[in-house]
Amino acid sequence: MTVQAYILIQTEVGKAAAVALEIATIKGVTMAEDVTGPYDVIVRAEARNVDELGKLVVAKVQGVPGITRTLTCPVVHL
């Protein structure tokens, strides 16, 4: 069973669309959309386990230019 999460991203002014486009190409990302509100981009991602999810966020997503902050929200099934 895979681990899924939403990653809420704040970007530099005017960078949301470019950030969303670049993140959408990362393996493990199933959706990346620029939005309005307190966050600029919302990403849906999945990985085999929590450790791989963490590596995806830190090594890949946070490396995209223009990102100022991320918040990862793992999906839980209650």
PDB file of N, CA and C in Angstrom:
ATOM      1  N   MET A   1       0.846  -1.200   0.000  1.00  0.00           N
ATOM      2  CA  MET A   1       0.000   0.000   0.000  1.00  0.00           C
ATOM      3  C   MET A   1       0.879   1.247   0.000  1.00  0.00           C
ATOM      4  N   THR A   2       0.546   2.208  -0.817  1.00  0.00           N
ATOM      5  CA  THR A   2       1.348   3.423  -0.917  1.00  0.00           C
ATOM      6  C   THR A   2       0.928   4.453   0.121  1.00  0.00           C
ATOM      7  N   VAL A   3       1.848   5.354   0.404  1.00  0.00           N
ATOM      8  CA  VAL A   3       1.577   6.498   1.272  1.00  0.00           C
ATOM      9  C   VAL A   3       1.287   7.680   0.354  1.00  0.00           C
ATOM     10  N   GLN A   4       0.192   8.379   0.630  1.00  0.00           N
ATOM     11  CA  GLN A   4      -0.165   9.552  -0.173  1.00  0.00           C
ATOM     12  C   GLN A   4      -0.155  10.786   0.710  1.00  0.00           C
ATOM     13  N   ALA A   5       0.081  11.932   0.090  1.00  0.00           N
ATOM     14  CA  ALA A   5       0.106  13.183   0.845  1.00  0.00           C
ATOM     15  C   ALA A   5      -0.227  14.352  -0.060  1.00  0.00           C
ATOM     16  N   TYR A   6      -0.724  15.398   0.562  1.00  0.00           N
ATOM     17  CA  TYR A   6      -0.855  16.687  -0.098  1.00  0.00           C
ATOM     18  C   TYR A   6       0.313  17.536   0.385  1.00  0.00           C
ATOM     19  N   ILE A   7       0.940  18.238  -0.541  1.00  0.00           N
ATOM     20  CA  ILE A   7       2.030  19.136  -0.195  1.00  0.00           C
ATOM     21  C   ILE A   7       1.566  20.552  -0.536  1.00  0.00           C
ATOM     22  N   LEU A   8       1.458  21.385   0.477  1.00  0.00           N
ATOM     23  CA  LEU A   8       1.011  22.770   0.316  1.00  0.00           C
ATOM     24  C   LEU A   8       2.263  23.635   0.184  1.00  0.00           C
ATOM     25  N   ILE A   9       2.303  24.435  -0.860  1.00  0.00           N
ATOM     26  CA  ILE A   9       3.530  25.159  -1.194  1.00  0.00           C
ATOM     27  C   ILE A   9       3.284  26.658  -1.300  1.00  0.00           C
ATOM     28  N   GLN A  10       4.185  27.417  -0.679  1.00  0.00           N
ATOM     29  CA  GLN A  10       4.208  28.860  -0.871  1.00  0.00           C
ATOM     30  C   GLN A  10       5.387  29.164  -1.789  1.00  0.00           C
ATOM     31  N   THR A  11       5.175  30.088  -2.727  1.00  0.00           N
ATOM     32  CA  THR A  11       6.217  30.422  -3.690  1.00  0.00           C
ATOM     33  C   THR A  11       6.543  31.910  -3.635  1.00  0.00           C
ATOM     34  N   GLU A  12       7.607  32.260  -4.315  1.00  0.00           N
ATOM     35  CA  GLU A  12       7.917  33.671  -4.518  1.00  0.00           C
ATOM     36  C   GLU A  12       6.809  34.267  -5.392  1.00  0.00           C
ATOM     37  N   VAL A  13       6.610  35.561  -5.277  1.00  0.00           N
ATOM     38  CA  VAL A  13       5.563  36.236  -6.040  1.00  0.00           C
ATOM     39  C   VAL A  13       5.734  35.984  -7.533  1.00  0.00           C
ATOM     40  N   GLY A  14       4.654  35.578  -8.180  1.00  0.00           N
ATOM     41  CA  GLY A  14       4.670  35.367  -9.615  1.00  0.00           C
ATOM     42  C   GLY A  14       5.254  34.047 -10.084  1.00  0.00           C
ATOM     43  N   LYS A  15       5.620  33.151  -9.155  1.00  0.00           N
ATOM     44  CA  LYS A  15       6.287  31.902  -9.540  1.00  0.00           C
ATOM     45  C   LYS A  15       5.378  30.675  -9.478  1.00  0.00           C
ATOM     46  N   ALA A  16       4.132  30.818  -9.022  1.00  0.00           N
ATOM     47  CA  ALA A  16       3.273  29.651  -8.782  1.00  0.00           C
ATOM     48  C   ALA A  16       3.093  28.773 -10.012  1.00  0.00           C
ATOM     49  N   ALA A  17       2.788  29.358 -11.156  1.00  0.00           N
ATOM     50  CA  ALA A  17       2.530  28.566 -12.360  1.00  0.00           C
ATOM     51  C   ALA A  17       3.770  27.796 -12.789  1.00  0.00           C
ATOM     52  N   ALA A  18       4.920  28.431 -12.764  1.00  0.00           N
ATOM     53  CA  ALA A  18       6.161  27.766 -13.160  1.00  0.00           C
ATOM     54  C   ALA A  18       6.519  26.647 -12.185  1.00  0.00           C
ATOM     55  N   VAL A  19       6.322  26.894 -10.899  1.00  0.00           N
ATOM     56  CA  VAL A  19       6.599  25.871  -9.882  1.00  0.00           C
ATOM     57  C   VAL A  19       5.685  24.670 -10.091  1.00  0.00           C
ATOM     58  N   ALA A  20       4.395  24.901 -10.305  1.00  0.00           N
ATOM     59  CA  ALA A  20       3.443  23.807 -10.506  1.00  0.00           C
ATOM     60  C   ALA A  20       3.818  22.987 -11.735  1.00  0.00           C
ATOM     61  N   LEU A  21       4.195  23.647 -12.823  1.00  0.00           N
ATOM     62  CA  LEU A  21       4.581  22.932 -14.046  1.00  0.00           C
ATOM     63  C   LEU A  21       5.798  22.051 -13.824  1.00  0.00           C
ATOM     64  N   GLU A  22       6.793  22.585 -13.122  1.00  0.00           N
ATOM     65  CA  GLU A  22       8.014  21.801 -12.897  1.00  0.00           C
ATOM     66  C   GLU A  22       7.763  20.641 -11.942  1.00  0.00           C
ATOM     67  N   ILE A  23       7.008  20.873 -10.876  1.00  0.00           N
ATOM     68  CA  ILE A  23       6.736  19.808  -9.912  1.00  0.00           C
ATOM     69  C   ILE A  23       5.923  18.689 -10.547  1.00  0.00           C
ATOM     70  N   ALA A  24       5.047  19.021 -11.477  1.00  0.00           N
ATOM     71  CA  ALA A  24       4.214  18.010 -12.131  1.00  0.00           C
ATOM     72  C   ALA A  24       5.052  16.962 -12.867  1.00  0.00           C
ATOM     73  N   THR A  25       6.305  17.274 -13.195  1.00  0.00           N
ATOM     74  CA  THR A  25       7.163  16.332 -13.918  1.00  0.00           C
ATOM     75  C   THR A  25       7.928  15.388 -12.990  1.00  0.00           C
ATOM     76  N   ILE A  26       7.839  15.600 -11.681  1.00  0.00           N
ATOM     77  CA  ILE A  26       8.591  14.786 -10.723  1.00  0.00           C
ATOM     78  C   ILE A  26       7.904  13.433 -10.532  1.00  0.00           C
ATOM     79  N   LYS A  27       8.691  12.368 -10.572  1.00  0.00           N
ATOM     80  CA  LYS A  27       8.148  11.027 -10.357  1.00  0.00           C
ATOM     81  C   LYS A  27       7.586  10.919  -8.945  1.00  0.00           C
ATOM     82  N   GLY A  28       6.360  10.421  -8.830  1.00  0.00           N
ATOM     83  CA  GLY A  28       5.690  10.321  -7.536  1.00  0.00           C
ATOM     84  C   GLY A  28       4.633  11.394  -7.338  1.00  0.00           C
ATOM     85  N   VAL A  29       4.698  12.451  -8.142  1.00  0.00           N
ATOM     86  CA  VAL A  29       3.694  13.515  -8.085  1.00  0.00           C
ATOM     87  C   VAL A  29       2.537  13.123  -9.002  1.00  0.00           C
ATOM     88  N   THR A  30       1.321  13.084  -8.438  1.00  0.00           N
ATOM     89  CA  THR A  30       0.159  12.707  -9.241  1.00  0.00           C
ATOM     90  C   THR A  30      -0.669  13.911  -9.665  1.00  0.00           C
ATOM     91  N   MET A  31      -0.451  15.063  -9.018  1.00  0.00           N
ATOM     92  CA  MET A  31      -1.177  16.284  -9.359  1.00  0.00           C
ATOM     93  C   MET A  31      -0.403  17.469  -8.812  1.00  0.00           C
ATOM     94  N   ALA A  32      -0.365  18.554  -9.570  1.00  0.00           N
ATOM     95  CA  ALA A  32       0.235  19.809  -9.098  1.00  0.00           C
ATOM     96  C   ALA A  32      -0.546  20.948  -9.729  1.00  0.00           C
ATOM     97  N   GLU A  33      -1.187  21.754  -8.890  1.00  0.00           N
ATOM     98  CA  GLU A  33      -2.013  22.850  -9.407  1.00  0.00           C
ATOM     99  C   GLU A  33      -1.727  24.136  -8.657  1.00  0.00           C
ATOM    100  N   ASP A  34      -1.700  25.247  -9.401  1.00  0.00           N
ATOM    101  CA  ASP A  34      -1.583  26.537  -8.739  1.00  0.00           C
ATOM    102  C   ASP A  34      -2.979  26.973  -8.309  1.00  0.00           C
ATOM    103  N   VAL A  35      -3.046  27.519  -7.101  1.00  0.00           N
ATOM    104  CA  VAL A  35      -4.321  27.867  -6.475  1.00  0.00           C
ATOM    105  C   VAL A  35      -4.235  29.258  -5.854  1.00  0.00           C
ATOM    106  N   THR A  36      -5.377  29.769  -5.412  1.00  0.00           N
ATOM    107  CA  THR A  36      -5.386  31.029  -4.670  1.00  0.00           C
ATOM    108  C   THR A  36      -5.566  30.717  -3.190  1.00  0.00           C
ATOM    109  N   GLY A  37      -5.230  31.672  -2.350  1.00  0.00           N
ATOM    110  CA  GLY A  37      -5.364  31.477  -0.911  1.00  0.00           C
ATOM    111  C   GLY A  37      -4.012  31.560  -0.240  1.00  0.00           C
ATOM    112  N   PRO A  38      -3.890  31.012   0.985  1.00  0.00           N
ATOM    113  CA  PRO A  38      -2.635  31.129   1.726  1.00  0.00           C
ATOM    114  C   PRO A  38      -1.488  30.340   1.102  1.00  0.00           C
ATOM    115  N   TYR A  39      -1.803  29.360   0.272  1.00  0.00           N
ATOM    116  CA  TYR A  39      -0.772  28.607  -0.452  1.00  0.00           C
ATOM    117  C   TYR A  39      -0.915  28.893  -1.935  1.00  0.00           C
ATOM    118  N   ASP A  40       0.183  28.718  -2.667  1.00  0.00           N
ATOM    119  CA  ASP A  40       0.205  29.052  -4.089  1.00  0.00           C
ATOM    120  C   ASP A  40       0.087  27.823  -4.990  1.00  0.00           C
ATOM    121  N   VAL A  41       0.562  26.681  -4.493  1.00  0.00           N
ATOM    122  CA  VAL A  41       0.517  25.427  -5.254  1.00  0.00           C
ATOM    123  C   VAL A  41       0.120  24.311  -4.302  1.00  0.00           C
ATOM    124  N   ILE A  42      -0.755  23.427  -4.760  1.00  0.00           N
ATOM    125  CA  ILE A  42      -1.088  22.228  -3.996  1.00  0.00           C
ATOM    126  C   ILE A  42      -0.718  21.020  -4.848  1.00  0.00           C
ATOM    127  N   VAL A  43       0.018  20.105  -4.222  1.00  0.00           N
ATOM    128  CA  VAL A  43       0.536  18.920  -4.912  1.00  0.00           C
ATOM    129  C   VAL A  43      -0.023  17.674  -4.236  1.00  0.00           C
ATOM    130  N   ARG A  44      -0.378  16.677  -5.030  1.00  0.00           N
ATOM    131  CA  ARG A  44      -0.725  15.354  -4.501  1.00  0.00           C
ATOM    132  C   ARG A  44       0.409  14.440  -4.908  1.00  0.00           C
ATOM    133  N   ALA A  45       0.951  13.695  -3.946  1.00  0.00           N
ATOM    134  CA  ALA A  45       2.086  12.827  -4.226  1.00  0.00           C
ATOM    135  C   ALA A  45       1.883  11.483  -3.553  1.00  0.00           C
ATOM    136  N   GLU A  46       2.607  10.476  -4.058  1.00  0.00           N
ATOM    137  CA  GLU A  46       2.554   9.171  -3.429  1.00  0.00           C
ATOM    138  C   GLU A  46       3.926   8.521  -3.487  1.00  0.00           C
ATOM    139  N   ALA A  47       4.177   7.668  -2.499  1.00  0.00           N
ATOM    140  CA  ALA A  47       5.447   6.951  -2.410  1.00  0.00           C
ATOM    141  C   ALA A  47       5.185   5.607  -1.745  1.00  0.00           C
ATOM    142  N   ARG A  48       6.199   4.725  -1.789  1.00  0.00           N
ATOM    143  CA  ARG A  48       6.017   3.391  -1.222  1.00  0.00           C
ATOM    144  C   ARG A  48       5.905   3.400   0.299  1.00  0.00           C
ATOM    145  N   ASN A  49       6.567   4.374   0.949  1.00  0.00           N
ATOM    146  CA  ASN A  49       6.506   4.454   2.411  1.00  0.00           C
ATOM    147  C   ASN A  49       6.799   5.889   2.852  1.00  0.00           C
ATOM    148  N   VAL A  50       6.712   6.120   4.146  1.00  0.00           N
ATOM    149  CA  VAL A  50       6.893   7.474   4.676  1.00  0.00           C
ATOM    150  C   VAL A  50       8.308   7.990   4.411  1.00  0.00           C
ATOM    151  N   ASP A  51       9.303   7.125   4.530  1.00  0.00           N
ATOM    152  CA  ASP A  51      10.676   7.559   4.277  1.00  0.00           C
ATOM    153  C   ASP A  51      10.845   8.039   2.836  1.00  0.00           C
ATOM    154  N   GLU A  52      10.284   7.279   1.885  1.00  0.00           N
ATOM    155  CA  GLU A  52      10.396   7.689   0.486  1.00  0.00           C
ATOM    156  C   GLU A  52       9.621   8.971   0.220  1.00  0.00           C
ATOM    157  N   LEU A  53       8.494   9.145   0.904  1.00  0.00           N
ATOM    158  CA  LEU A  53       7.735  10.385   0.768  1.00  0.00           C
ATOM    159  C   LEU A  53       8.586  11.562   1.249  1.00  0.00           C
ATOM    160  N   GLY A  54       9.240  11.395   2.381  1.00  0.00           N
ATOM    161  CA  GLY A  54      10.115  12.442   2.905  1.00  0.00           C
ATOM    162  C   GLY A  54      11.237  12.785   1.942  1.00  0.00           C
ATOM    163  N   LYS A  55      11.839  11.756   1.340  1.00  0.00           N
ATOM    164  CA  LYS A  55      12.909  11.993   0.370  1.00  0.00           C
ATOM    165  C   LYS A  55      12.379  12.720  -0.858  1.00  0.00           C
ATOM    166  N   LEU A  56      11.177  12.353  -1.296  1.00  0.00           N
ATOM    167  CA  LEU A  56      10.559  13.024  -2.445  1.00  0.00           C
ATOM    168  C   LEU A  56      10.394  14.511  -2.158  1.00  0.00           C
ATOM    169  N   VAL A  57       9.894  14.833  -0.968  1.00  0.00           N
ATOM    170  CA  VAL A  57       9.647  16.235  -0.623  1.00  0.00           C
ATOM    171  C   VAL A  57      10.954  16.995  -0.479  1.00  0.00           C
ATOM    172  N   VAL A  58      11.885  16.462   0.306  1.00  0.00           N
ATOM    173  CA  VAL A  58      13.122  17.193   0.591  1.00  0.00           C
ATOM    174  C   VAL A  58      14.052  17.244  -0.614  1.00  0.00           C
ATOM    175  N   ALA A  59      14.265  16.114  -1.277  1.00  0.00           N
ATOM    176  CA  ALA A  59      15.254  16.066  -2.354  1.00  0.00           C
ATOM    177  C   ALA A  59      14.728  16.605  -3.671  1.00  0.00           C
ATOM    178  N   LYS A  60      13.461  16.405  -3.957  1.00  0.00           N
ATOM    179  CA  LYS A  60      12.935  16.770  -5.272  1.00  0.00           C
ATOM    180  C   LYS A  60      12.089  18.052  -5.221  1.00  0.00           C
ATOM    181  N   VAL A  61      11.015  18.021  -4.446  1.00  0.00           N
ATOM    182  CA  VAL A  61      10.075  19.148  -4.450  1.00  0.00           C
ATOM    183  C   VAL A  61      10.737  20.421  -3.925  1.00  0.00           C
ATOM    184  N   GLN A  62      11.398  20.336  -2.777  1.00  0.00           N
ATOM    185  CA  GLN A  62      11.989  21.548  -2.198  1.00  0.00           C
ATOM    186  C   GLN A  62      13.156  22.082  -3.022  1.00  0.00           C
ATOM    187  N   GLY A  63      13.652  21.295  -3.965  1.00  0.00           N
ATOM    188  CA  GLY A  63      14.732  21.751  -4.829  1.00  0.00           C
ATOM    189  C   GLY A  63      14.266  22.582  -6.013  1.00  0.00           C
ATOM    190  N   VAL A  64      12.957  22.676  -6.205  1.00  0.00           N
ATOM    191  CA  VAL A  64      12.423  23.457  -7.328  1.00  0.00           C
ATOM    192  C   VAL A  64      12.607  24.950  -7.029  1.00  0.00           C
ATOM    193  N   PRO A  65      13.209  25.702  -7.948  1.00  0.00           N
ATOM    194  CA  PRO A  65      13.409  27.138  -7.714  1.00  0.00           C
ATOM    195  C   PRO A  65      12.082  27.878  -7.564  1.00  0.00           C
ATOM    196  N   GLY A  66      12.050  28.839  -6.650  1.00  0.00           N
ATOM    197  CA  GLY A  66      10.858  29.666  -6.460  1.00  0.00           C
ATOM    198  C   GLY A  66      10.024  29.287  -5.257  1.00  0.00           C
ATOM    199  N   ILE A  67      10.327  28.142  -4.628  1.00  0.00           N
ATOM    200  CA  ILE A  67       9.565  27.706  -3.447  1.00  0.00           C
ATOM    201  C   ILE A  67      10.153  28.362  -2.208  1.00  0.00           C
ATOM    202  N   THR A  68       9.271  28.894  -1.358  1.00  0.00           N
ATOM    203  CA  THR A  68       9.735  29.489  -0.111  1.00  0.00           C
ATOM    204  C   THR A  68       9.385  28.634   1.107  1.00  0.00           C
ATOM    205  N   ARG A  69       8.309  27.839   1.029  1.00  0.00           N
ATOM    206  CA  ARG A  69       7.908  27.018   2.176  1.00  0.00           C
ATOM    207  C   ARG A  69       7.018  25.884   1.703  1.00  0.00           C
ATOM    208  N   THR A  70       7.145  24.707   2.367  1.00  0.00           N
ATOM    209  CA  THR A  70       6.252  23.584   2.081  1.00  0.00           C
ATOM    210  C   THR A  70       5.654  23.065   3.378  1.00  0.00           C
ATOM    211  N   LEU A  71       4.485  22.479   3.262  1.00  0.00           N
ATOM    212  CA  LEU A  71       3.815  21.815   4.381  1.00  0.00           C
ATOM    213  C   LEU A  71       3.258  20.502   3.835  1.00  0.00           C
ATOM    214  N   THR A  72       3.724  19.385   4.389  1.00  0.00           N
ATOM    215  CA  THR A  72       3.303  18.070   3.899  1.00  0.00           C
ATOM    216  C   THR A  72       2.223  17.521   4.815  1.00  0.00           C
ATOM    217  N   CYS A  73       1.109  17.112   4.202  1.00  0.00           N
ATOM    218  CA  CYS A  73      -0.058  16.589   4.934  1.00  0.00           C
ATOM    219  C   CYS A  73      -0.351  15.169   4.458  1.00  0.00           C
ATOM    220  N   PRO A  74       0.140  14.153   5.171  1.00  0.00           N
ATOM    221  CA  PRO A  74      -0.131  12.769   4.768  1.00  0.00           C
ATOM    222  C   PRO A  74      -1.626  12.461   4.830  1.00  0.00           C
ATOM    223  N   VAL A  75      -2.080  11.658   3.880  1.00  0.00           N
ATOM    224  CA  VAL A  75      -3.479  11.231   3.839  1.00  0.00           C
ATOM    225  C   VAL A  75      -3.648  10.077   4.810  1.00  0.00           C
ATOM    226  N   VAL A  76      -4.691  10.127   5.652  1.00  0.00           N
ATOM    227  CA  VAL A  76      -4.981   9.024   6.563  1.00  0.00           C
ATOM    228  C   VAL A  76      -6.340   8.444   6.224  1.00  0.00           C
ATOM    229  N   HIS A  77      -6.487   7.179   6.451  1.00  0.00           N
ATOM    230  CA  HIS A  77      -7.763   6.511   6.198  1.00  0.00           C
ATOM    231  C   HIS A  77      -8.302   6.047   7.537  1.00  0.00           C
ATOM    232  N   LEU A  78      -9.278   6.777   8.072  1.00  0.00           N
ATOM    233  CA  LEU A  78      -9.833   6.476   9.395  1.00  0.00           C
ATOM    234  C   LEU A  78     -10.967   5.490   9.318  1.00  0.00           C
TER     235      LEU A  78
END
